[in-house]
PDB file of N, CA and C in Angstrom:
ATOM      1  N   MET A   1      -8.545  -0.217 -11.621  1.00  0.00           N
ATOM      2  CA  MET A   1      -7.462   0.620 -12.058  1.00  0.00           C
ATOM      3  C   MET A   1      -6.162  -0.157 -11.955  1.00  0.00           C
ATOM      4  N   ARG A   2      -5.156   0.303 -12.654  1.00  0.00           N
ATOM      5  CA  ARG A   2      -3.859  -0.365 -12.679  1.00  0.00           C
ATOM      6  C   ARG A   2      -2.835   0.468 -11.902  1.00  0.00           C
ATOM      7  N   ILE A   3      -2.159  -0.207 -10.972  1.00  0.00           N
ATOM      8  CA  ILE A   3      -1.107   0.439 -10.184  1.00  0.00           C
ATOM      9  C   ILE A   3       0.162  -0.411 -10.261  1.00  0.00           C
ATOM     10  N   ASN A   4       1.255   0.131  -9.801  1.00  0.00           N
ATOM     11  CA  ASN A   4       2.491  -0.634  -9.651  1.00  0.00           C
ATOM     12  C   ASN A   4       2.632  -0.946  -8.171  1.00  0.00           C
ATOM     13  N   LEU A   5       2.503  -2.214  -7.824  1.00  0.00           N
ATOM     14  CA  LEU A   5       2.542  -2.651  -6.431  1.00  0.00           C
ATOM     15  C   LEU A   5       3.765  -3.529  -6.227  1.00  0.00           C
ATOM     16  N   ASN A   6       4.663  -3.072  -5.365  1.00  0.00           N
ATOM     17  CA  ASN A   6       5.896  -3.807  -5.068  1.00  0.00           C
ATOM     18  C   ASN A   6       6.630  -4.201  -6.346  1.00  0.00           C
ATOM     19  N   GLY A   7       6.660  -3.284  -7.314  1.00  0.00           N
ATOM     20  CA  GLY A   7       7.425  -3.496  -8.528  1.00  0.00           C
ATOM     21  C   GLY A   7       6.719  -4.229  -9.650  1.00  0.00           C
ATOM     22  N   SER A   8       5.453  -4.582  -9.457  1.00  0.00           N
ATOM     23  CA  SER A   8       4.706  -5.311 -10.484  1.00  0.00           C
ATOM     24  C   SER A   8       3.398  -4.610 -10.794  1.00  0.00           C
ATOM     25  N   PRO A   9       2.962  -4.639 -12.051  1.00  0.00           N
ATOM     26  CA  PRO A   9       1.656  -4.061 -12.387  1.00  0.00           C
ATOM     27  C   PRO A   9       0.533  -4.924 -11.799  1.00  0.00           C
ATOM     28  N   VAL A  10      -0.446  -4.258 -11.184  1.00  0.00           N
ATOM     29  CA  VAL A  10      -1.549  -4.953 -10.519  1.00  0.00           C
ATOM     30  C   VAL A  10      -2.844  -4.208 -10.807  1.00  0.00           C
ATOM     31  N   GLU A  11      -3.928  -4.950 -11.003  1.00  0.00           N
ATOM     32  CA  GLU A  11      -5.261  -4.370 -11.111  1.00  0.00           C
ATOM     33  C   GLU A  11      -5.888  -4.373  -9.718  1.00  0.00           C
ATOM     34  N   THR A  12      -6.503  -3.270  -9.333  1.00  0.00           N
ATOM     35  CA  THR A  12      -7.135  -3.186  -8.011  1.00  0.00           C
ATOM     36  C   THR A  12      -8.433  -2.385  -8.098  1.00  0.00           C
ATOM     37  N   THR A  13      -9.333  -2.679  -7.189  1.00  0.00           N
ATOM     38  CA  THR A  13     -10.553  -1.880  -7.047  1.00  0.00           C
ATOM     39  C   THR A  13     -10.488  -1.020  -5.793  1.00  0.00           C
ATOM     40  N   SER A  14      -9.368  -1.112  -5.060  1.00  0.00           N
ATOM     41  CA  SER A  14      -9.196  -0.332  -3.832  1.00  0.00           C
ATOM     42  C   SER A  14      -9.180   1.153  -4.157  1.00  0.00           C
ATOM     43  N   ARG A  15      -9.792   1.937  -3.291  1.00  0.00           N
ATOM     44  CA  ARG A  15      -9.855   3.385  -3.482  1.00  0.00           C
ATOM     45  C   ARG A  15      -8.870   4.148  -2.608  1.00  0.00           C
ATOM     46  N   SER A  16      -8.432   3.526  -1.515  1.00  0.00           N
ATOM     47  CA  SER A  16      -7.495   4.197  -0.607  1.00  0.00           C
ATOM     48  C   SER A  16      -6.388   3.221  -0.232  1.00  0.00           C
ATOM     49  N   LEU A  17      -5.347   3.744   0.381  1.00  0.00           N
ATOM     50  CA  LEU A  17      -4.265   2.878   0.824  1.00  0.00           C
ATOM     51  C   LEU A  17      -4.745   1.875   1.867  1.00  0.00           C
ATOM     52  N   SER A  18      -5.618   2.297   2.768  1.00  0.00           N
ATOM     53  CA  SER A  18      -6.128   1.359   3.783  1.00  0.00           C
ATOM     54  C   SER A  18      -6.949   0.252   3.132  1.00  0.00           C
ATOM     55  N   ASP A  19      -7.713   0.573   2.088  1.00  0.00           N
ATOM     56  CA  ASP A  19      -8.452  -0.459   1.341  1.00  0.00           C
ATOM     57  C   ASP A  19      -7.491  -1.452   0.697  1.00  0.00           C
ATOM     58  N   LEU A  20      -6.394  -0.938   0.141  1.00  0.00           N
ATOM     59  CA  LEU A  20      -5.410  -1.796  -0.528  1.00  0.00           C
ATOM     60  C   LEU A  20      -4.751  -2.743   0.468  1.00  0.00           C
ATOM     61  N   VAL A  21      -4.400  -2.234   1.632  1.00  0.00           N
ATOM     62  CA  VAL A  21      -3.794  -3.083   2.669  1.00  0.00           C
ATOM     63  C   VAL A  21      -4.758  -4.204   3.043  1.00  0.00           C
ATOM     64  N   ALA A  22      -6.027  -3.874   3.224  1.00  0.00           N
ATOM     65  CA  ALA A  22      -7.035  -4.884   3.554  1.00  0.00           C
ATOM     66  C   ALA A  22      -7.204  -5.876   2.404  1.00  0.00           C
ATOM     67  N   GLU A  23      -7.246  -5.376   1.172  1.00  0.00           N
ATOM     68  CA  GLU A  23      -7.402  -6.237  -0.009  1.00  0.00           C
ATOM     69  C   GLU A  23      -6.252  -7.246  -0.106  1.00  0.00           C
ATOM     70  N   GLN A  24      -5.066  -6.816   0.272  1.00  0.00           N
ATOM     71  CA  GLN A  24      -3.888  -7.695   0.202  1.00  0.00           C
ATOM     72  C   GLN A  24      -3.808  -8.648   1.398  1.00  0.00           C
ATOM     73  N   GLY A  25      -4.672  -8.460   2.403  1.00  0.00           N
ATOM     74  CA  GLY A  25      -4.700  -9.345   3.564  1.00  0.00           C
ATOM     75  C   GLY A  25      -3.498  -9.184   4.478  1.00  0.00           C
ATOM     76  N   LEU A  26      -2.959  -7.958   4.545  1.00  0.00           N
ATOM     77  CA  LEU A  26      -1.781  -7.704   5.353  1.00  0.00           C
ATOM     78  C   LEU A  26      -2.139  -7.106   6.706  1.00  0.00           C
ATOM     79  N   ASN A  27      -1.297  -7.368   7.695  1.00  0.00           N
ATOM     80  CA  ASN A  27      -1.482  -6.822   9.032  1.00  0.00           C
ATOM     81  C   ASN A  27      -0.949  -5.390   9.055  1.00  0.00           C
ATOM     82  N   PRO A  28      -1.804  -4.400   9.233  1.00  0.00           N
ATOM     83  CA  PRO A  28      -1.340  -3.009   9.209  1.00  0.00           C
ATOM     84  C   PRO A  28      -0.406  -2.641  10.358  1.00  0.00           C
ATOM     85  N   LEU A  29      -0.378  -3.438  11.411  1.00  0.00           N
ATOM     86  CA  LEU A  29       0.464  -3.111  12.564  1.00  0.00           C
ATOM     87  C   LEU A  29       1.951  -3.353  12.302  1.00  0.00           C
ATOM     88  N   SER A  30       2.270  -4.178  11.306  1.00  0.00           N
ATOM     89  CA  SER A  30       3.680  -4.467  11.011  1.00  0.00           C
ATOM     90  C   SER A  30       4.037  -4.047   9.585  1.00  0.00           C
ATOM     91  N   LEU A  31       3.385  -2.991   9.112  1.00  0.00           N
ATOM     92  CA  LEU A  31       3.513  -2.603   7.714  1.00  0.00           C
ATOM     93  C   LEU A  31       3.922  -1.140   7.580  1.00  0.00           C
ATOM     94  N   ILE A  32       4.762  -0.888   6.592  1.00  0.00           N
ATOM     95  CA  ILE A  32       5.085   0.480   6.183  1.00  0.00           C
ATOM     96  C   ILE A  32       4.625   0.625   4.740  1.00  0.00           C
ATOM     97  N   VAL A  33       3.994   1.750   4.429  1.00  0.00           N
ATOM     98  CA  VAL A  33       3.520   2.003   3.070  1.00  0.00           C
ATOM     99  C   VAL A  33       4.283   3.167   2.467  1.00  0.00           C
ATOM    100  N   GLU A  34       4.789   2.931   1.266  1.00  0.00           N
ATOM    101  CA  GLU A  34       5.434   3.982   0.485  1.00  0.00           C
ATOM    102  C   GLU A  34       4.521   4.259  -0.710  1.00  0.00           C
ATOM    103  N   TYR A  35       4.086   5.504  -0.828  1.00  0.00           N
ATOM    104  CA  TYR A  35       3.157   5.909  -1.877  1.00  0.00           C
ATOM    105  C   TYR A  35       3.842   6.918  -2.781  1.00  0.00           C
ATOM    106  N   ASN A  36       4.040   6.553  -4.029  1.00  0.00           N
ATOM    107  CA  ASN A  36       4.749   7.407  -4.988  1.00  0.00           C
ATOM    108  C   ASN A  36       6.058   7.924  -4.396  1.00  0.00           C
ATOM    109  N   TYR A  37       6.833   6.970  -3.845  1.00  0.00           N
ATOM    110  CA  TYR A  37       8.192   7.203  -3.339  1.00  0.00           C
ATOM    111  C   TYR A  37       8.261   8.010  -2.048  1.00  0.00           C
ATOM    112  N   GLU A  38       7.145   8.117  -1.323  1.00  0.00           N
ATOM    113  CA  GLU A  38       7.152   8.792  -0.024  1.00  0.00           C
ATOM    114  C   GLU A  38       6.493   7.894   1.020  1.00  0.00           C
ATOM    115  N   VAL A  39       7.145   7.752   2.168  1.00  0.00           N
ATOM    116  CA  VAL A  39       6.581   6.961   3.261  1.00  0.00           C
ATOM    117  C   VAL A  39       5.382   7.718   3.831  1.00  0.00           C
ATOM    118  N   VAL A  40       4.293   6.973   4.064  1.00  0.00           N
ATOM    119  CA  VAL A  40       3.042   7.573   4.533  1.00  0.00           C
ATOM    120  C   VAL A  40       2.715   7.011   5.913  1.00  0.00           C
ATOM    121  N   LYS A  41       2.379   7.885   6.848  1.00  0.00           N
ATOM    122  CA  LYS A  41       1.976   7.442   8.181  1.00  0.00           C
ATOM    123  C   LYS A  41       0.638   6.706   8.107  1.00  0.00           C
ATOM    124  N   GLN A  42       0.500   5.708   8.950  1.00  0.00           N
ATOM    125  CA  GLN A  42      -0.696   4.870   8.951  1.00  0.00           C
ATOM    126  C   GLN A  42      -1.972   5.680   9.162  1.00  0.00           C
ATOM    127  N   ALA A  43      -1.920   6.740   9.937  1.00  0.00           N
ATOM    128  CA  ALA A  43      -3.103   7.569  10.194  1.00  0.00           C
ATOM    129  C   ALA A  43      -3.648   8.215   8.916  1.00  0.00           C
ATOM    130  N   SER A  44      -2.820   8.311   7.882  1.00  0.00           N
ATOM    131  CA  SER A  44      -3.226   8.956   6.625  1.00  0.00           C
ATOM    132  C   SER A  44      -3.680   7.968   5.551  1.00  0.00           C
ATOM    133  N   TRP A  45      -3.546   6.683   5.776  1.00  0.00           N
ATOM    134  CA  TRP A  45      -3.845   5.705   4.737  1.00  0.00           C
ATOM    135  C   TRP A  45      -5.267   5.827   4.188  1.00  0.00           C
ATOM    136  N   GLY A  46      -6.229   6.082   5.029  1.00  0.00           N
ATOM    137  CA  GLY A  46      -7.617   6.181   4.586  1.00  0.00           C
ATOM    138  C   GLY A  46      -7.908   7.448   3.794  1.00  0.00           C
ATOM    139  N   GLU A  47      -7.056   8.457   3.946  1.00  0.00           N
ATOM    140  CA  GLU A  47      -7.268   9.745   3.279  1.00  0.00           C
ATOM    141  C   GLU A  47      -6.585   9.834   1.916  1.00  0.00           C
ATOM    142  N   ILE A  48      -5.691   8.898   1.620  1.00  0.00           N
ATOM    143  CA  ILE A  48      -4.957   8.941   0.361  1.00  0.00           C
ATOM    144  C   ILE A  48      -5.663   8.067  -0.653  1.00  0.00           C
ATOM    145  N   HIS A  49      -6.141   8.689  -1.710  1.00  0.00           N
ATOM    146  CA  HIS A  49      -6.894   7.994  -2.753  1.00  0.00           C
ATOM    147  C   HIS A  49      -5.968   7.531  -3.866  1.00  0.00           C
ATOM    148  N   ILE A  50      -6.050   6.247  -4.173  1.00  0.00           N
ATOM    149  CA  ILE A  50      -5.211   5.635  -5.197  1.00  0.00           C
ATOM    150  C   ILE A  50      -5.714   6.044  -6.583  1.00  0.00           C
ATOM    151  N   LYS A  51      -4.740   6.315  -7.481  1.00  0.00           N
ATOM    152  CA  LYS A  51      -5.055   6.684  -8.860  1.00  0.00           C
ATOM    153  C   LYS A  51      -4.312   5.749  -9.805  1.00  0.00           C
ATOM    154  N   ASP A  52      -4.761   5.700 -11.068  1.00  0.00           N
ATOM    155  CA  ASP A  52      -4.060   4.916 -12.081  1.00  0.00           C
ATOM    156  C   ASP A  52      -2.585   5.269 -12.110  1.00  0.00           C
ATOM    157  N   ASN A  53      -1.766   4.253 -12.272  1.00  0.00           N
ATOM    158  CA  ASN A  53      -0.313   4.385 -12.423  1.00  0.00           C
ATOM    159  C   ASN A  53       0.425   4.821 -11.164  1.00  0.00           C
ATOM    160  N   ASP A  54      -0.238   4.837 -10.005  1.00  0.00           N
ATOM    161  CA  ASP A  54       0.476   5.122  -8.761  1.00  0.00           C
ATOM    162  C   ASP A  54       1.477   3.994  -8.494  1.00  0.00           C
ATOM    163  N   THR A  55       2.554   4.334  -7.800  1.00  0.00           N
ATOM    164  CA  THR A  55       3.556   3.358  -7.388  1.00  0.00           C
ATOM    165  C   THR A  55       3.464   3.200  -5.878  1.00  0.00           C
ATOM    166  N   ILE A  56       3.207   1.961  -5.453  1.00  0.00           N
ATOM    167  CA  ILE A  56       2.997   1.685  -4.035  1.00  0.00           C
ATOM    168  C   ILE A  56       3.873   0.511  -3.623  1.00  0.00           C
ATOM    169  N   GLU A  57       4.557   0.683  -2.512  1.00  0.00           N
ATOM    170  CA  GLU A  57       5.340  -0.394  -1.919  1.00  0.00           C
ATOM    171  C   GLU A  57       4.743  -0.704  -0.552  1.00  0.00           C
ATOM    172  N   LEU A  58       4.445  -1.971  -0.310  1.00  0.00           N
ATOM    173  CA  LEU A  58       3.971  -2.424   0.989  1.00  0.00           C
ATOM    174  C   LEU A  58       5.094  -3.240   1.614  1.00  0.00           C
ATOM    175  N   LEU A  59       5.689  -2.712   2.668  1.00  0.00           N
ATOM    176  CA  LEU A  59       6.850  -3.315   3.291  1.00  0.00           C
ATOM    177  C   LEU A  59       6.463  -3.898   4.647  1.00  0.00           C
ATOM    178  N   ASN A  60       6.596  -5.199   4.775  1.00  0.00           N
ATOM    179  CA  ASN A  60       6.201  -5.921   5.980  1.00  0.00           C
ATOM    180  C   ASN A  60       7.453  -6.320   6.749  1.00  0.00           C
ATOM    181  N   PHE A  61       7.525  -5.969   8.025  1.00  0.00           N
ATOM    182  CA  PHE A  61       8.684  -6.291   8.841  1.00  0.00           C
ATOM    183  C   PHE A  61       8.467  -7.631   9.541  1.00  0.00           C
ATOM    184  N   VAL A  62       9.519  -8.443   9.497  1.00  0.00           N
ATOM    185  CA  VAL A  62       9.482  -9.760  10.118  1.00  0.00           C
ATOM    186  C   VAL A  62      10.668  -9.879  11.057  1.00  0.00           C
ATOM    187  N   GLY A  63      10.383 -10.284  12.272  1.00  0.00           N
ATOM    188  CA  GLY A  63      11.459 -10.467  13.235  1.00  0.00           C
ATOM    189  C   GLY A  63      12.118 -11.832  13.069  1.00  0.00           C
ATOM    190  N   GLY A  64      13.317 -11.933  13.519  1.00  0.00           N
ATOM    191  CA  GLY A  64      14.011 -13.205  13.417  1.00  0.00           C
ATOM    192  C   GLY A  64      15.259 -13.189  14.279  1.00  0.00           C
ATOM    193  N   GLY A  65      15.934 -14.297  14.278  1.00  0.00           N
ATOM    194  CA  GLY A  65      17.104 -14.340  15.122  1.00  0.00           C
ATOM    195  C   GLY A  65      18.203 -15.182  14.607  1.00  0.00           C
TER     196      GLY A  65
END
């Protein structure tokens, strides 16, 4: 299916947000997910099923000094 991921069209076979995070190889402990313009708690990622044309932002926090 085709989704908009971080502002770009992407093809994915992921069925849930947690699958997508794993597919992208990201650390879920330092990640915030926005699904169709709403921030989603990590506990819900496995319950939210991705559909065609969904808009998803994966925001990774990096510390620095």
